[in-house]
């Protein structure tokens, strides 16, 4: 995952003056396994813009393509599905609900924790974190 994160930073985010903070390998819930990555990014210039970016590996070759980017301020709800039991599924509610399955629960948790920290640091707006373990939301904000 470190190599992928490095490649995404170099090829996709650095040219756009963005910093990749967190990445989760996902596929759409209920669909055949078409993997992609959800990335939490911030711009390097002020005012800072925080985004969730969907990146897909190209069918032709070994490079990545930015598919869609959502502003974090447009995120209304993060639903982790189950705060007690380990579960790789989660939903992100933007203008519509996107249902994802992470490749691991640990990746999902790290991504949700990063989104929470970004919300605390940059937005101060109320994103609802539903079915999320309180331990994920107690990380100290840098």
Protein backbone atom coordinates (compact mmCIF):
# COMPACT_ATOMS: atom_id res chain seq x y z
CA UNK A 1 0.00 0.00 0.00
CA UNK A 2 2.93 2.35 0.68
CA UNK A 3 4.12 2.00 -2.92
CA UNK A 4 0.65 2.76 -4.24
CA UNK A 5 0.33 5.77 -1.95
CA UNK A 6 3.70 7.06 -3.13
CA UNK A 7 2.78 6.56 -6.81
CA UNK A 8 -0.57 8.33 -6.35
CA UNK A 9 1.09 11.25 -4.56
CA UNK A 10 3.73 11.58 -7.29
CA UNK A 11 1.52 11.05 -10.36
CA UNK A 12 -1.83 12.52 -9.39
CA UNK A 13 -1.67 14.80 -6.38
CA UNK A 14 1.71 16.58 -6.50
CA UNK A 15 1.00 18.07 -9.98
CA UNK A 16 -2.22 19.56 -8.55
CA UNK A 17 -0.48 20.93 -5.42
CA UNK A 18 -2.31 18.43 -3.21
CA UNK A 19 -1.10 16.27 -0.35
CA UNK A 20 -2.42 12.73 0.06
CA UNK A 21 -3.23 12.09 3.72
CA UNK A 22 -5.14 8.81 3.70
CA UNK A 23 -6.06 6.10 1.23
CA UNK A 24 -8.45 3.17 1.30
CA UNK A 25 -8.73 0.42 -1.32
CA UNK A 26 -12.45 -0.03 -2.03
CA UNK A 27 -14.98 -1.50 -4.40
CA UNK A 28 -18.62 -0.57 -4.71
CA UNK A 29 -20.87 -2.62 -2.45
CA UNK A 30 -22.76 -5.30 -4.34
CA UNK A 31 -20.81 -4.82 -7.58
CA UNK A 32 -18.25 -7.06 -9.18
CA UNK A 33 -14.81 -6.42 -7.84
CA UNK A 34 -13.76 -3.24 -9.66
CA UNK A 35 -11.29 -1.87 -7.18
CA UNK A 36 -10.46 1.77 -6.85
CA UNK A 37 -9.04 4.03 -4.16
CA UNK A 38 -10.65 6.73 -2.08
CA UNK A 39 -8.11 9.35 -1.10
CA UNK A 40 -8.34 12.13 1.48
CA UNK A 41 -6.36 15.13 0.26
CA UNK A 42 -5.63 18.73 1.16
CA UNK A 43 -4.29 21.47 -1.09
CA UNK A 44 -0.87 22.87 -0.26
CA UNK A 45 -1.99 26.48 -0.84
CA UNK A 46 -4.23 28.62 1.35
CA UNK A 47 -7.12 28.62 1.70
CA UNK A 48 -6.83 24.88 2.17
CA UNK A 49 -9.33 22.78 0.25
CA UNK A 50 -10.09 19.33 1.60
CA UNK A 51 -11.31 16.66 -0.81
CA UNK A 52 -12.21 13.01 -1.08
CA UNK A 53 -10.94 11.80 -4.45
CA UNK A 54 -11.83 8.56 -6.21
CA UNK A 55 -8.88 7.20 -8.18
CA UNK A 56 -9.02 4.21 -10.50
CA UNK A 57 -6.24 2.13 -11.99
CA UNK A 58 -6.29 2.38 -15.76
CA UNK A 59 -7.38 -0.66 -17.75
CA UNK A 60 -4.57 0.04 -20.18
CA UNK A 61 -1.29 -0.02 -18.34
CA UNK A 62 -0.03 0.64 -14.88
CA UNK A 63 -1.15 4.19 -14.19
CA UNK A 64 -3.91 5.80 -12.18
CA UNK A 65 -6.68 8.16 -13.22
CA UNK A 66 -8.52 10.65 -11.06
CA UNK A 67 -12.23 9.87 -11.57
CA UNK A 68 -14.18 12.19 -9.31
CA UNK A 69 -13.48 14.56 -6.44
CA UNK A 70 -15.89 15.67 -3.75
CA UNK A 71 -15.31 18.62 -1.42
CA UNK A 72 -15.28 17.43 2.19
CA UNK A 73 -17.73 20.23 3.05
CA UNK A 74 -20.29 18.42 0.85
CA UNK A 75 -20.02 15.26 2.95
CA UNK A 76 -23.06 14.99 5.23
CA UNK A 77 -22.77 11.50 6.76
CA UNK A 78 -20.12 8.82 7.24
CA UNK A 79 -21.84 5.54 8.09
CA UNK A 80 -19.45 2.82 9.25
CA UNK A 81 -22.32 0.28 9.42
CA UNK A 82 -21.34 -1.25 12.78
CA UNK A 83 -19.48 0.36 15.69
CA UNK A 84 -18.97 -2.92 17.56
CA UNK A 85 -18.33 -5.67 15.01
CA UNK A 86 -15.47 -5.58 12.50
CA UNK A 87 -16.99 -4.70 9.14
CA UNK A 88 -15.29 -3.40 5.97
CA UNK A 89 -18.46 -1.73 4.62
CA UNK A 90 -19.15 1.99 4.88
CA UNK A 91 -21.27 4.66 3.21
CA UNK A 92 -20.40 8.24 2.33
CA UNK A 93 -23.36 10.58 1.88
CA UNK A 94 -22.54 13.36 -0.58
CA UNK A 95 -25.23 14.52 -3.04
CA UNK A 96 -26.10 10.83 -3.15
CA UNK A 97 -25.14 7.84 -1.03
CA UNK A 98 -22.03 5.95 -2.11
CA UNK A 99 -21.75 2.43 -0.65
CA UNK A 100 -18.22 1.03 -0.37
CA UNK A 101 -16.50 -2.13 0.82
CA UNK A 102 -12.91 -1.59 1.97
CA UNK A 103 -10.25 -4.24 1.40
CA UNK A 104 -9.77 -4.37 5.19
CA UNK A 105 -11.47 -3.05 8.32
CA UNK A 106 -8.17 -1.47 9.43
CA UNK A 107 -7.95 0.55 6.18
CA UNK A 108 -11.57 1.63 6.54
CA UNK A 109 -11.01 2.71 10.14
CA UNK A 110 -7.86 4.67 9.31
CA UNK A 111 -9.67 6.47 6.49
CA UNK A 112 -12.70 7.34 8.64
CA UNK A 113 -10.41 8.57 11.42
CA UNK A 114 -8.58 10.79 8.91
CA UNK A 115 -11.89 12.22 7.63
CA UNK A 116 -12.91 12.98 11.22
CA UNK A 117 -9.61 14.78 11.92
CA UNK A 118 -9.87 16.80 8.69
CA UNK A 119 -13.43 17.77 9.59
CA UNK A 120 -12.27 18.91 13.06
CA UNK A 121 -9.28 20.81 11.77
CA UNK A 122 -10.53 22.52 8.62
CA UNK A 123 -14.31 22.52 8.51
CA UNK A 124 -15.73 22.70 11.99
CA UNK A 125 -18.99 21.68 10.38
CA UNK A 126 -21.15 18.85 11.48
CA UNK A 127 -20.47 15.72 9.48
CA UNK A 128 -22.50 12.98 11.11
CA UNK A 129 -20.40 9.95 11.97
CA UNK A 130 -22.88 7.08 12.35
CA UNK A 131 -22.00 3.61 13.71
CA UNK A 132 -18.40 4.71 14.22
CA UNK A 133 -16.48 3.48 17.26
CA UNK A 134 -15.68 6.32 19.66
CA UNK A 135 -11.99 5.29 19.65
CA UNK A 136 -11.73 6.35 16.00
CA UNK A 137 -13.06 9.80 16.84
CA UNK A 138 -10.79 10.53 19.77
CA UNK A 139 -7.52 11.02 17.89
CA UNK A 140 -5.71 14.21 18.73
CA UNK A 141 -5.94 16.85 16.01
CA UNK A 142 -2.50 17.91 14.83
